[in-house]
Amino acid sequence: MKTHDERIAEMTFASVYPHYITKVERKGRTKEELHQVIEWLTGFDDKKIQAQIDSKSTFETFFQQANLNPNAHLITGLICGYRVEEIENPLTQKVRYLDKIVDELAKGKKIEKILRNA
């Protein structure tokens, strides 16, 4: 049986992305805002995000190709019952960073706060 971390590594960004769109749009946010927070975390612009979707990149590949924001460690709090800052597996932590900022966007948090440019 695969571990939680292995399952996350093998999930594709393309399989999760539509859920991100639905989640933020249902709360009155836009695809552009979603892309803004993804770009802040990963360095991927719209074209690179689309390329990740088209190539069905796993989260492992997605984050290997990403240029993680140096302030990503400032993303803290609970997501899916886990404290983001306490997750030991580096890849799982990065995926949860992404989940957390999408969640914050959907909850109406201001973009400036989500982007943690302290």
PDB file of N, CA and C in Angstrom:
ATOM      1  N   MET A   1       0.844  -1.189   0.000  1.00  0.00           N
ATOM      2  CA  MET A   1       0.000   0.000   0.000  1.00  0.00           C
ATOM      3  C   MET A   1       0.893   1.258   0.000  1.00  0.00           C
ATOM      4  N   LYS A   2       0.529   2.206  -0.817  1.00  0.00           N
ATOM      5  CA  LYS A   2       1.332   3.427  -0.927  1.00  0.00           C
ATOM      6  C   LYS A   2       1.106   4.340   0.272  1.00  0.00           C
ATOM      7  N   THR A   3       2.158   5.042   0.618  1.00  0.00           N
ATOM      8  CA  THR A   3       2.042   5.998   1.718  1.00  0.00           C
ATOM      9  C   THR A   3       1.336   7.252   1.215  1.00  0.00           C
ATOM     10  N   HIS A   4       0.894   8.047   2.159  1.00  0.00           N
ATOM     11  CA  HIS A   4       0.259   9.331   1.869  1.00  0.00           C
ATOM     12  C   HIS A   4       1.194  10.175   0.982  1.00  0.00           C
ATOM     13  N   ASP A   5       2.471  10.241   1.333  1.00  0.00           N
ATOM     14  CA  ASP A   5       3.445  11.039   0.588  1.00  0.00           C
ATOM     15  C   ASP A   5       3.631  10.520  -0.844  1.00  0.00           C
ATOM     16  N   GLU A   6       3.653   9.216  -1.014  1.00  0.00           N
ATOM     17  CA  GLU A   6       3.800   8.633  -2.355  1.00  0.00           C
ATOM     18  C   GLU A   6       2.583   8.937  -3.223  1.00  0.00           C
ATOM     19  N   ARG A   7       1.399   8.854  -2.627  1.00  0.00           N
ATOM     20  CA  ARG A   7       0.175   9.154  -3.384  1.00  0.00           C
ATOM     21  C   ARG A   7       0.173  10.610  -3.844  1.00  0.00           C
ATOM     22  N   ILE A   8       0.597  11.506  -2.973  1.00  0.00           N
ATOM     23  CA  ILE A   8       0.659  12.926  -3.332  1.00  0.00           C
ATOM     24  C   ILE A   8       1.670  13.142  -4.461  1.00  0.00           C
ATOM     25  N   ALA A   9       2.839  12.529  -4.367  1.00  0.00           N
ATOM     26  CA  ALA A   9       3.888  12.687  -5.382  1.00  0.00           C
ATOM     27  C   ALA A   9       3.407  12.255  -6.760  1.00  0.00           C
ATOM     28  N   GLU A  10       2.559  11.221  -6.803  1.00  0.00           N
ATOM     29  CA  GLU A  10       2.107  10.655  -8.075  1.00  0.00           C
ATOM     30  C   GLU A  10       0.853  11.332  -8.635  1.00  0.00           C
ATOM     31  N   MET A  11       0.176  12.140  -7.825  1.00  0.00           N
ATOM     32  CA  MET A  11      -0.995  12.863  -8.326  1.00  0.00           C
ATOM     33  C   MET A  11      -0.546  13.864  -9.375  1.00  0.00           C
ATOM     34  N   THR A  12      -1.387  14.108 -10.373  1.00  0.00           N
ATOM     35  CA  THR A  12      -1.013  15.095 -11.374  1.00  0.00           C
ATOM     36  C   THR A  12      -1.606  16.456 -11.013  1.00  0.00           C
ATOM     37  N   PHE A  13      -0.856  17.485 -11.352  1.00  0.00           N
ATOM     38  CA  PHE A  13      -1.346  18.849 -11.165  1.00  0.00           C
ATOM     39  C   PHE A  13      -2.643  19.022 -11.962  1.00  0.00           C
ATOM     40  N   ALA A  14      -2.684  18.436 -13.173  1.00  0.00           N
ATOM     41  CA  ALA A  14      -3.868  18.553 -14.044  1.00  0.00           C
ATOM     42  C   ALA A  14      -5.125  17.978 -13.389  1.00  0.00           C
ATOM     43  N   SER A  15      -4.966  16.965 -12.537  1.00  0.00           N
ATOM     44  CA  SER A  15      -6.144  16.354 -11.898  1.00  0.00           C
ATOM     45  C   SER A  15      -6.692  17.225 -10.773  1.00  0.00           C
ATOM     46  N   VAL A  16      -5.857  18.066 -10.199  1.00  0.00           N
ATOM     47  CA  VAL A  16      -6.261  18.901  -9.065  1.00  0.00           C
ATOM     48  C   VAL A  16      -6.655  20.307  -9.506  1.00  0.00           C
ATOM     49  N   TYR A  17      -6.028  20.785 -10.565  1.00  0.00           N
ATOM     50  CA  TYR A  17      -6.244  22.156 -11.034  1.00  0.00           C
ATOM     51  C   TYR A  17      -7.722  22.530 -11.219  1.00  0.00           C
ATOM     52  N   PRO A  18      -8.542  21.677 -11.885  1.00  0.00           N
ATOM     53  CA  PRO A  18      -9.964  22.058 -12.045  1.00  0.00           C
ATOM     54  C   PRO A  18     -10.672  22.265 -10.697  1.00  0.00           C
ATOM     55  N   HIS A  19     -10.249  21.525  -9.690  1.00  0.00           N
ATOM     56  CA  HIS A  19     -10.844  21.683  -8.350  1.00  0.00           C
ATOM     57  C   HIS A  19     -10.453  23.030  -7.749  1.00  0.00           C
ATOM     58  N   TYR A  20      -9.213  23.453  -8.002  1.00  0.00           N
ATOM     59  CA  TYR A  20      -8.774  24.773  -7.543  1.00  0.00           C
ATOM     60  C   TYR A  20      -9.635  25.858  -8.190  1.00  0.00           C
ATOM     61  N   ILE A  21      -9.825  25.751  -9.517  1.00  0.00           N
ATOM     62  CA  ILE A  21     -10.634  26.736 -10.257  1.00  0.00           C
ATOM     63  C   ILE A  21     -12.046  26.788  -9.672  1.00  0.00           C
ATOM     64  N   THR A  22     -12.672  25.624  -9.538  1.00  0.00           N
ATOM     65  CA  THR A  22     -14.037  25.556  -9.010  1.00  0.00           C
ATOM     66  C   THR A  22     -14.114  26.171  -7.622  1.00  0.00           C
ATOM     67  N   LYS A  23     -13.158  25.826  -6.783  1.00  0.00           N
ATOM     68  CA  LYS A  23     -13.155  26.305  -5.400  1.00  0.00           C
ATOM     69  C   LYS A  23     -13.084  27.828  -5.327  1.00  0.00           C
ATOM     70  N   VAL A  24     -12.174  28.428  -6.089  1.00  0.00           N
ATOM     71  CA  VAL A  24     -12.030  29.889  -6.006  1.00  0.00           C
ATOM     72  C   VAL A  24     -13.171  30.619  -6.711  1.00  0.00           C
ATOM     73  N   GLU A  25     -13.626  30.092  -7.854  1.00  0.00           N
ATOM     74  CA  GLU A  25     -14.702  30.769  -8.587  1.00  0.00           C
ATOM     75  C   GLU A  25     -16.022  30.717  -7.830  1.00  0.00           C
ATOM     76  N   ARG A  26     -16.243  29.615  -7.116  1.00  0.00           N
ATOM     77  CA  ARG A  26     -17.467  29.482  -6.323  1.00  0.00           C
ATOM     78  C   ARG A  26     -17.524  30.562  -5.242  1.00  0.00           C
ATOM     79  N   LYS A  27     -16.352  31.029  -4.833  1.00  0.00           N
ATOM     80  CA  LYS A  27     -16.269  32.058  -3.788  1.00  0.00           C
ATOM     81  C   LYS A  27     -16.064  33.453  -4.369  1.00  0.00           C
ATOM     82  N   GLY A  28     -16.276  33.581  -5.690  1.00  0.00           N
ATOM     83  CA  GLY A  28     -16.206  34.901  -6.306  1.00  0.00           C
ATOM     84  C   GLY A  28     -14.811  35.373  -6.676  1.00  0.00           C
ATOM     85  N   ARG A  29     -13.837  34.482  -6.627  1.00  0.00           N
ATOM     86  CA  ARG A  29     -12.478  34.851  -7.059  1.00  0.00           C
ATOM     87  C   ARG A  29     -12.313  34.399  -8.507  1.00  0.00           C
ATOM     88  N   THR A  30     -11.199  34.797  -9.134  1.00  0.00           N
ATOM     89  CA  THR A  30     -11.028  34.530 -10.562  1.00  0.00           C
ATOM     90  C   THR A  30      -9.860  33.580 -10.840  1.00  0.00           C
ATOM     91  N   LYS A  31      -9.884  33.043 -12.055  1.00  0.00           N
ATOM     92  CA  LYS A  31      -8.783  32.201 -12.529  1.00  0.00           C
ATOM     93  C   LYS A  31      -7.486  33.015 -12.529  1.00  0.00           C
ATOM     94  N   GLU A  32      -7.587  34.304 -12.883  1.00  0.00           N
ATOM     95  CA  GLU A  32      -6.414  35.180 -12.906  1.00  0.00           C
ATOM     96  C   GLU A  32      -5.799  35.298 -11.509  1.00  0.00           C
ATOM     97  N   GLU A  33      -6.665  35.433 -10.488  1.00  0.00           N
ATOM     98  CA  GLU A  33      -6.160  35.512  -9.111  1.00  0.00           C
ATOM     99  C   GLU A  33      -5.521  34.186  -8.701  1.00  0.00           C
ATOM    100  N   LEU A  34      -6.144  33.080  -9.118  1.00  0.00           N
ATOM    101  CA  LEU A  34      -5.579  31.757  -8.831  1.00  0.00           C
ATOM    102  C   LEU A  34      -4.183  31.657  -9.454  1.00  0.00           C
ATOM    103  N   HIS A  35      -4.071  32.061 -10.713  1.00  0.00           N
ATOM    104  CA  HIS A  35      -2.774  31.994 -11.395  1.00  0.00           C
ATOM    105  C   HIS A  35      -1.754  32.913 -10.723  1.00  0.00           C
ATOM    106  N   GLN A  36      -2.223  34.035 -10.210  1.00  0.00           N
ATOM    107  CA  GLN A  36      -1.318  34.963  -9.519  1.00  0.00           C
ATOM    108  C   GLN A  36      -0.699  34.302  -8.288  1.00  0.00           C
ATOM    109  N   VAL A  37      -1.506  33.584  -7.501  1.00  0.00           N
ATOM    110  CA  VAL A  37      -0.949  32.951  -6.297  1.00  0.00           C
ATOM    111  C   VAL A  37      -0.090  31.729  -6.666  1.00  0.00           C
ATOM    112  N   ILE A  38      -0.485  30.996  -7.712  1.00  0.00           N
ATOM    113  CA  ILE A  38       0.347  29.860  -8.160  1.00  0.00           C
ATOM    114  C   ILE A  38       1.699  30.383  -8.668  1.00  0.00           C
ATOM    115  N   GLU A  39       1.663  31.483  -9.423  1.00  0.00           N
ATOM    116  CA  GLU A  39       2.911  32.045  -9.945  1.00  0.00           C
ATOM    117  C   GLU A  39       3.803  32.535  -8.809  1.00  0.00           C
ATOM    118  N   TRP A  40       3.195  33.146  -7.794  1.00  0.00           N
ATOM    119  CA  TRP A  40       3.978  33.618  -6.645  1.00  0.00           C
ATOM    120  C   TRP A  40       4.719  32.438  -5.996  1.00  0.00           C
ATOM    121  N   LEU A  41       4.017  31.320  -5.805  1.00  0.00           N
ATOM    122  CA  LEU A  41       4.620  30.165  -5.136  1.00  0.00           C
ATOM    123  C   LEU A  41       5.644  29.447  -6.009  1.00  0.00           C
ATOM    124  N   THR A  42       5.324  29.284  -7.300  1.00  0.00           N
ATOM    125  CA  THR A  42       6.112  28.384  -8.156  1.00  0.00           C
ATOM    126  C   THR A  42       6.987  29.080  -9.197  1.00  0.00           C
ATOM    127  N   GLY A  43       6.681  30.335  -9.512  1.00  0.00           N
ATOM    128  CA  GLY A  43       7.374  31.014 -10.596  1.00  0.00           C
ATOM    129  C   GLY A  43       6.786  30.701 -11.968  1.00  0.00           C
ATOM    130  N   PHE A  44       5.729  29.866 -12.021  1.00  0.00           N
ATOM    131  CA  PHE A  44       5.105  29.503 -13.305  1.00  0.00           C
ATOM    132  C   PHE A  44       4.120  30.576 -13.743  1.00  0.00           C
ATOM    133  N   ASP A  45       4.334  31.146 -14.947  1.00  0.00           N
ATOM    134  CA  ASP A  45       3.355  32.073 -15.510  1.00  0.00           C
ATOM    135  C   ASP A  45       2.226  31.252 -16.157  1.00  0.00           C
ATOM    136  N   ASP A  46       1.246  31.942 -16.741  1.00  0.00           N
ATOM    137  CA  ASP A  46       0.081  31.265 -17.342  1.00  0.00           C
ATOM    138  C   ASP A  46       0.495  30.173 -18.324  1.00  0.00           C
ATOM    139  N   LYS A  47       1.481  30.498 -19.163  1.00  0.00           N
ATOM    140  CA  LYS A  47       1.931  29.553 -20.186  1.00  0.00           C
ATOM    141  C   LYS A  47       2.539  28.296 -19.545  1.00  0.00           C
ATOM    142  N   LYS A  48       3.345  28.498 -18.512  1.00  0.00           N
ATOM    143  CA  LYS A  48       3.983  27.355 -17.841  1.00  0.00           C
ATOM    144  C   LYS A  48       2.969  26.535 -17.048  1.00  0.00           C
ATOM    145  N   ILE A  49       1.975  27.209 -16.458  1.00  0.00           N
ATOM    146  CA  ILE A  49       0.906  26.478 -15.752  1.00  0.00           C
ATOM    147  C   ILE A  49       0.184  25.580 -16.759  1.00  0.00           C
ATOM    148  N   GLN A  50      -0.152  26.142 -17.926  1.00  0.00           N
ATOM    149  CA  GLN A  50      -0.833  25.363 -18.968  1.00  0.00           C
ATOM    150  C   GLN A  50       0.043  24.204 -19.442  1.00  0.00           C
ATOM    151  N   ALA A  51       1.337  24.435 -19.560  1.00  0.00           N
ATOM    152  CA  ALA A  51       2.261  23.374 -19.987  1.00  0.00           C
ATOM    153  C   ALA A  51       2.279  22.234 -18.965  1.00  0.00           C
ATOM    154  N   GLN A  52       2.220  22.576 -17.677  1.00  0.00           N
ATOM    155  CA  GLN A  52       2.183  21.551 -16.621  1.00  0.00           C
ATOM    156  C   GLN A  52       0.902  20.717 -16.734  1.00  0.00           C
ATOM    157  N   ILE A  53      -0.202  21.390 -17.061  1.00  0.00           N
ATOM    158  CA  ILE A  53      -1.491  20.695 -17.224  1.00  0.00           C
ATOM    159  C   ILE A  53      -1.429  19.798 -18.460  1.00  0.00           C
ATOM    160  N   ASP A  54      -0.970  20.370 -19.576  1.00  0.00           N
ATOM    161  CA  ASP A  54      -0.922  19.621 -20.839  1.00  0.00           C
ATOM    162  C   ASP A  54      -0.027  18.391 -20.758  1.00  0.00           C
ATOM    163  N   SER A  55       1.087  18.502 -20.034  1.00  0.00           N
ATOM    164  CA  SER A  55       2.013  17.366 -19.951  1.00  0.00           C
ATOM    165  C   SER A  55       1.645  16.409 -18.814  1.00  0.00           C
ATOM    166  N   LYS A  56       0.543  16.725 -18.130  1.00  0.00           N
ATOM    167  CA  LYS A  56       0.071  15.885 -17.007  1.00  0.00           C
ATOM    168  C   LYS A  56       1.190  15.608 -15.996  1.00  0.00           C
ATOM    169  N   SER A  57       1.893  16.659 -15.638  1.00  0.00           N
ATOM    170  CA  SER A  57       2.990  16.550 -14.673  1.00  0.00           C
ATOM    171  C   SER A  57       2.492  16.060 -13.329  1.00  0.00           C
ATOM    172  N   THR A  58       3.243  15.149 -12.736  1.00  0.00           N
ATOM    173  CA  THR A  58       2.943  14.763 -11.354  1.00  0.00           C
ATOM    174  C   THR A  58       3.365  15.925 -10.464  1.00  0.00           C
ATOM    175  N   PHE A  59       2.887  15.940  -9.224  1.00  0.00           N
ATOM    176  CA  PHE A  59       3.310  16.997  -8.309  1.00  0.00           C
ATOM    177  C   PHE A  59       4.822  16.947  -8.089  1.00  0.00           C
ATOM    178  N   GLU A  60       5.381  15.737  -8.154  1.00  0.00           N
ATOM    179  CA  GLU A  60       6.828  15.609  -8.000  1.00  0.00           C
ATOM    180  C   GLU A  60       7.550  16.399  -9.104  1.00  0.00           C
ATOM    181  N   THR A  61       7.165  16.174 -10.352  1.00  0.00           N
ATOM    182  CA  THR A  61       7.754  16.885 -11.491  1.00  0.00           C
ATOM    183  C   THR A  61       7.442  18.378 -11.423  1.00  0.00           C
ATOM    184  N   PHE A  62       6.188  18.699 -11.113  1.00  0.00           N
ATOM    185  CA  PHE A  62       5.730  20.089 -11.011  1.00  0.00           C
ATOM    186  C   PHE A  62       6.639  20.891 -10.080  1.00  0.00           C
ATOM    187  N   PHE A  63       6.891  20.343  -8.888  1.00  0.00           N
ATOM    188  CA  PHE A  63       7.707  21.090  -7.928  1.00  0.00           C
ATOM    189  C   PHE A  63       9.210  20.987  -8.202  1.00  0.00           C
ATOM    190  N   GLN A  64       9.646  19.939  -8.946  1.00  0.00           N
ATOM    191  CA  GLN A  64      11.053  19.890  -9.365  1.00  0.00           C
ATOM    192  C   GLN A  64      11.333  21.020 -10.347  1.00  0.00           C
ATOM    193  N   GLN A  65      10.337  21.349 -11.167  1.00  0.00           N
ATOM    194  CA  GLN A  65      10.505  22.384 -12.193  1.00  0.00           C
ATOM    195  C   GLN A  65      10.194  23.785 -11.655  1.00  0.00           C
ATOM    196  N   ALA A  66       9.547  23.842 -10.516  1.00  0.00           N
ATOM    197  CA  ALA A  66       9.162  25.134  -9.937  1.00  0.00           C
ATOM    198  C   ALA A  66      10.365  25.851  -9.338  1.00  0.00           C
ATOM    199  N   ASN A  67      10.230  27.154  -9.253  1.00  0.00           N
ATOM    200  CA  ASN A  67      11.226  27.984  -8.577  1.00  0.00           C
ATOM    201  C   ASN A  67      10.511  28.494  -7.319  1.00  0.00           C
ATOM    202  N   LEU A  68      10.570  27.705  -6.257  1.00  0.00           N
ATOM    203  CA  LEU A  68       9.771  27.983  -5.059  1.00  0.00           C
ATOM    204  C   LEU A  68      10.114  29.349  -4.463  1.00  0.00           C
ATOM    205  N   ASN A  69       9.080  30.106  -4.155  1.00  0.00           N
ATOM    206  CA  ASN A  69       9.265  31.435  -3.582  1.00  0.00           C
ATOM    207  C   ASN A  69      10.028  31.335  -2.260  1.00  0.00           C
ATOM    208  N   PRO A  70      11.043  32.195  -2.060  1.00  0.00           N
ATOM    209  CA  PRO A  70      11.817  32.141  -0.804  1.00  0.00           C
ATOM    210  C   PRO A  70      10.969  32.415   0.447  1.00  0.00           C
ATOM    211  N   ASN A  71       9.811  33.051   0.269  1.00  0.00           N
ATOM    212  CA  ASN A  71       8.924  33.304   1.411  1.00  0.00           C
ATOM    213  C   ASN A  71       7.882  32.206   1.622  1.00  0.00           C
ATOM    214  N   ALA A  72       7.981  31.114   0.878  1.00  0.00           N
ATOM    215  CA  ALA A  72       6.999  30.027   1.008  1.00  0.00           C
ATOM    216  C   ALA A  72       6.927  29.502   2.447  1.00  0.00           C
ATOM    217  N   HIS A  73       8.063  29.536   3.155  1.00  0.00           N
ATOM    218  CA  HIS A  73       8.074  29.028   4.539  1.00  0.00           C
ATOM    219  C   HIS A  73       7.182  29.864   5.469  1.00  0.00           C
ATOM    220  N   LEU A  74       6.762  31.036   5.004  1.00  0.00           N
ATOM    221  CA  LEU A  74       5.868  31.874   5.810  1.00  0.00           C
ATOM    222  C   LEU A  74       4.418  31.393   5.737  1.00  0.00           C
ATOM    223  N   ILE A  75       4.144  30.428   4.862  1.00  0.00           N
ATOM    224  CA  ILE A  75       2.798  29.843   4.776  1.00  0.00           C
ATOM    225  C   ILE A  75       2.653  28.874   5.942  1.00  0.00           C
ATOM    226  N   THR A  76       1.748  29.206   6.846  1.00  0.00           N
ATOM    227  CA  THR A  76       1.556  28.377   8.033  1.00  0.00           C
ATOM    228  C   THR A  76       0.067  28.146   8.258  1.00  0.00           C
ATOM    229  N   GLY A  77      -0.233  27.256   9.184  1.00  0.00           N
ATOM    230  CA  GLY A  77      -1.623  26.994   9.545  1.00  0.00           C
ATOM    231  C   GLY A  77      -2.044  25.594   9.165  1.00  0.00           C
ATOM    232  N   LEU A  78      -3.322  25.326   9.374  1.00  0.00           N
ATOM    233  CA  LEU A  78      -3.856  23.986   9.139  1.00  0.00           C
ATOM    234  C   LEU A  78      -4.411  23.836   7.731  1.00  0.00           C
ATOM    235  N   ILE A  79      -4.112  22.703   7.115  1.00  0.00           N
ATOM    236  CA  ILE A  79      -4.743  22.323   5.852  1.00  0.00           C
ATOM    237  C   ILE A  79      -4.912  20.811   5.883  1.00  0.00           C
ATOM    238  N   CYS A  80      -6.126  20.361   5.633  1.00  0.00           N
ATOM    239  CA  CYS A  80      -6.442  18.922   5.662  1.00  0.00           C
ATOM    240  C   CYS A  80      -6.018  18.292   6.998  1.00  0.00           C
ATOM    241  N   GLY A  81      -6.135  19.032   8.067  1.00  0.00           N
ATOM    242  CA  GLY A  81      -5.818  18.493   9.390  1.00  0.00           C
ATOM    243  C   GLY A  81      -4.339  18.470   9.748  1.00  0.00           C
ATOM    244  N   TYR A  82      -3.503  18.999   8.865  1.00  0.00           N
ATOM    245  CA  TYR A  82      -2.052  19.018   9.126  1.00  0.00           C
ATOM    246  C   TYR A  82      -1.581  20.454   9.281  1.00  0.00           C
ATOM    247  N   ARG A  83      -0.617  20.688  10.196  1.00  0.00           N
ATOM    248  CA  ARG A  83       0.041  21.993  10.288  1.00  0.00           C
ATOM    249  C   ARG A  83       1.068  22.040   9.165  1.00  0.00           C
ATOM    250  N   VAL A  84       0.877  22.945   8.234  1.00  0.00           N
ATOM    251  CA  VAL A  84       1.742  23.028   7.052  1.00  0.00           C
ATOM    252  C   VAL A  84       3.215  23.116   7.439  1.00  0.00           C
ATOM    253  N   GLU A  85       3.498  23.940   8.444  1.00  0.00           N
ATOM    254  CA  GLU A  85       4.898  24.173   8.827  1.00  0.00           C
ATOM    255  C   GLU A  85       5.553  22.952   9.488  1.00  0.00           C
ATOM    256  N   GLU A  86       4.752  21.955   9.881  1.00  0.00           N
ATOM    257  CA  GLU A  86       5.303  20.768  10.558  1.00  0.00           C
ATOM    258  C   GLU A  86       5.402  19.535   9.653  1.00  0.00           C
ATOM    259  N   ILE A  87       4.989  19.659   8.396  1.00  0.00           N
ATOM    260  CA  ILE A  87       5.040  18.514   7.476  1.00  0.00           C
ATOM    261  C   ILE A  87       6.506  18.215   7.159  1.00  0.00           C
ATOM    262  N   GLU A  88       6.910  16.967   7.386  1.00  0.00           N
ATOM    263  CA  GLU A  88       8.321  16.613   7.239  1.00  0.00           C
ATOM    264  C   GLU A  88       8.739  16.312   5.804  1.00  0.00           C
ATOM    265  N   ASN A  89       7.848  15.703   5.022  1.00  0.00           N
ATOM    266  CA  ASN A  89       8.206  15.378   3.643  1.00  0.00           C
ATOM    267  C   ASN A  89       8.208  16.673   2.814  1.00  0.00           C
ATOM    268  N   PRO A  90       9.353  17.038   2.216  1.00  0.00           N
ATOM    269  CA  PRO A  90       9.448  18.324   1.500  1.00  0.00           C
ATOM    270  C   PRO A  90       8.431  18.480   0.367  1.00  0.00           C
ATOM    271  N   LEU A  91       8.203  17.420  -0.414  1.00  0.00           N
ATOM    272  CA  LEU A  91       7.252  17.522  -1.523  1.00  0.00           C
ATOM    273  C   LEU A  91       5.830  17.684  -0.995  1.00  0.00           C
ATOM    274  N   THR A  92       5.456  16.877  -0.028  1.00  0.00           N
ATOM    275  CA  THR A  92       4.115  16.970   0.551  1.00  0.00           C
ATOM    276  C   THR A  92       3.898  18.375   1.118  1.00  0.00           C
ATOM    277  N   GLN A  93       4.929  18.919   1.744  1.00  0.00           N
ATOM    278  CA  GLN A  93       4.818  20.267   2.306  1.00  0.00           C
ATOM    279  C   GLN A  93       4.554  21.293   1.201  1.00  0.00           C
ATOM    280  N   LYS A  94       5.247  21.181   0.076  1.00  0.00           N
ATOM    281  CA  LYS A  94       5.056  22.127  -1.032  1.00  0.00           C
ATOM    282  C   LYS A  94       3.646  22.027  -1.601  1.00  0.00           C
ATOM    283  N   VAL A  95       3.138  20.792  -1.739  1.00  0.00           N
ATOM    284  CA  VAL A  95       1.771  20.611  -2.242  1.00  0.00           C
ATOM    285  C   VAL A  95       0.781  21.246  -1.270  1.00  0.00           C
ATOM    286  N   ARG A  96       1.022  21.074   0.013  1.00  0.00           N
ATOM    287  CA  ARG A  96       0.139  21.668   1.026  1.00  0.00           C
ATOM    288  C   ARG A  96       0.264  23.189   1.063  1.00  0.00           C
ATOM    289  N   TYR A  97       1.441  23.728   0.757  1.00  0.00           N
ATOM    290  CA  TYR A  97       1.578  25.187   0.615  1.00  0.00           C
ATOM    291  C   TYR A  97       0.602  25.669  -0.462  1.00  0.00           C
ATOM    292  N   LEU A  98       0.619  24.960  -1.593  1.00  0.00           N
ATOM    293  CA  LEU A  98      -0.262  25.313  -2.707  1.00  0.00           C
ATOM    294  C   LEU A  98      -1.724  25.210  -2.283  1.00  0.00           C
ATOM    295  N   ASP A  99      -2.081  24.101  -1.635  1.00  0.00           N
ATOM    296  CA  ASP A  99      -3.460  23.927  -1.146  1.00  0.00           C
ATOM    297  C   ASP A  99      -3.853  25.075  -0.223  1.00  0.00           C
ATOM    298  N   LYS A 100      -2.937  25.449   0.650  1.00  0.00           N
ATOM    299  CA  LYS A 100      -3.210  26.476   1.657  1.00  0.00           C
ATOM    300  C   LYS A 100      -3.455  27.841   1.016  1.00  0.00           C
ATOM    301  N   ILE A 101      -2.623  28.221   0.054  1.00  0.00           N
ATOM    302  CA  ILE A 101      -2.833  29.551  -0.545  1.00  0.00           C
ATOM    303  C   ILE A 101      -4.086  29.574  -1.426  1.00  0.00           C
ATOM    304  N   VAL A 102      -4.427  28.448  -2.055  1.00  0.00           N
ATOM    305  CA  VAL A 102      -5.684  28.368  -2.816  1.00  0.00           C
ATOM    306  C   VAL A 102      -6.857  28.498  -1.850  1.00  0.00           C
ATOM    307  N   ASP A 103      -6.749  27.847  -0.709  1.00  0.00           N
ATOM    308  CA  ASP A 103      -7.771  27.914   0.325  1.00  0.00           C
ATOM    309  C   ASP A 103      -7.948  29.355   0.827  1.00  0.00           C
ATOM    310  N   GLU A 104      -6.833  30.016   1.073  1.00  0.00           N
ATOM    311  CA  GLU A 104      -6.886  31.406   1.542  1.00  0.00           C
ATOM    312  C   GLU A 104      -7.545  32.306   0.497  1.00  0.00           C
ATOM    313  N   LEU A 105      -7.230  32.085  -0.771  1.00  0.00           N
ATOM    314  CA  LEU A 105      -7.847  32.847  -1.853  1.00  0.00           C
ATOM    315  C   LEU A 105      -9.361  32.630  -1.846  1.00  0.00           C
ATOM    316  N   ALA A 106      -9.773  31.364  -1.745  1.00  0.00           N
ATOM    317  CA  ALA A 106     -11.193  31.031  -1.741  1.00  0.00           C
ATOM    318  C   ALA A 106     -11.913  31.622  -0.526  1.00  0.00           C
ATOM    319  N   LYS A 107     -11.188  31.764   0.563  1.00  0.00           N
ATOM    320  CA  LYS A 107     -11.808  32.311   1.783  1.00  0.00           C
ATOM    321  C   LYS A 107     -11.844  33.835   1.797  1.00  0.00           C
ATOM    322  N   GLY A 108     -11.375  34.448   0.709  1.00  0.00           N
ATOM    323  CA  GLY A 108     -11.490  35.896   0.592  1.00  0.00           C
ATOM    324  C   GLY A 108     -10.333  36.694   1.142  1.00  0.00           C
ATOM    325  N   LYS A 109      -9.250  36.018   1.480  1.00  0.00           N
ATOM    326  CA  LYS A 109      -8.077  36.727   1.988  1.00  0.00           C
ATOM    327  C   LYS A 109      -7.515  37.628   0.882  1.00  0.00           C
ATOM    328  N   LYS A 110      -7.038  38.796   1.244  1.00  0.00           N
ATOM    329  CA  LYS A 110      -6.473  39.733   0.272  1.00  0.00           C
ATOM    330  C   LYS A 110      -5.216  39.133  -0.366  1.00  0.00           C
ATOM    331  N   ILE A 111      -5.094  39.344  -1.687  1.00  0.00           N
ATOM    332  CA  ILE A 111      -3.943  38.840  -2.448  1.00  0.00           C
ATOM    333  C   ILE A 111      -2.616  39.258  -1.785  1.00  0.00           C
ATOM    334  N   GLU A 112      -2.535  40.515  -1.350  1.00  0.00           N
ATOM    335  CA  GLU A 112      -1.284  41.012  -0.748  1.00  0.00           C
ATOM    336  C   GLU A 112      -0.900  40.171   0.473  1.00  0.00           C
ATOM    337  N   LYS A 113      -1.891  39.741   1.241  1.00  0.00           N
ATOM    338  CA  LYS A 113      -1.626  38.917   2.433  1.00  0.00           C
ATOM    339  C   LYS A 113      -1.189  37.504   2.026  1.00  0.00           C
ATOM    340  N   ILE A 114      -1.849  36.959   1.005  1.00  0.00           N
ATOM    341  CA  ILE A 114      -1.528  35.602   0.548  1.00  0.00           C
ATOM    342  C   ILE A 114      -0.089  35.542   0.031  1.00  0.00           C
ATOM    343  N   LEU A 115       0.342  36.609  -0.653  1.00  0.00           N
ATOM    344  CA  LEU A 115       1.653  36.619  -1.290  1.00  0.00           C
ATOM    345  C   LEU A 115       2.817  36.827  -0.333  1.00  0.00           C
ATOM    346  N   ARG A 116       2.531  37.133   0.920  1.00  0.00           N
ATOM    347  CA  ARG A 116       3.552  37.136   1.978  1.00  0.00           C
ATOM    348  C   ARG A 116       4.874  37.776   1.563  1.00  0.00           C
ATOM    349  N   ASN A 117       4.772  38.956   0.992  1.00  0.00           N
ATOM    350  CA  ASN A 117       5.991  39.661   0.605  1.00  0.00           C
ATOM    351  C   ASN A 117       6.458  40.558   1.732  1.00  0.00           C
ATOM    352  N   ALA A 118       6.649  39.942   2.880  1.00  0.00           N
ATOM    353  CA  ALA A 118       6.966  40.689   4.099  1.00  0.00           C
ATOM    354  C   ALA A 118       8.268  41.467   3.975  1.00  0.00           C
TER     355      ALA A 118
END
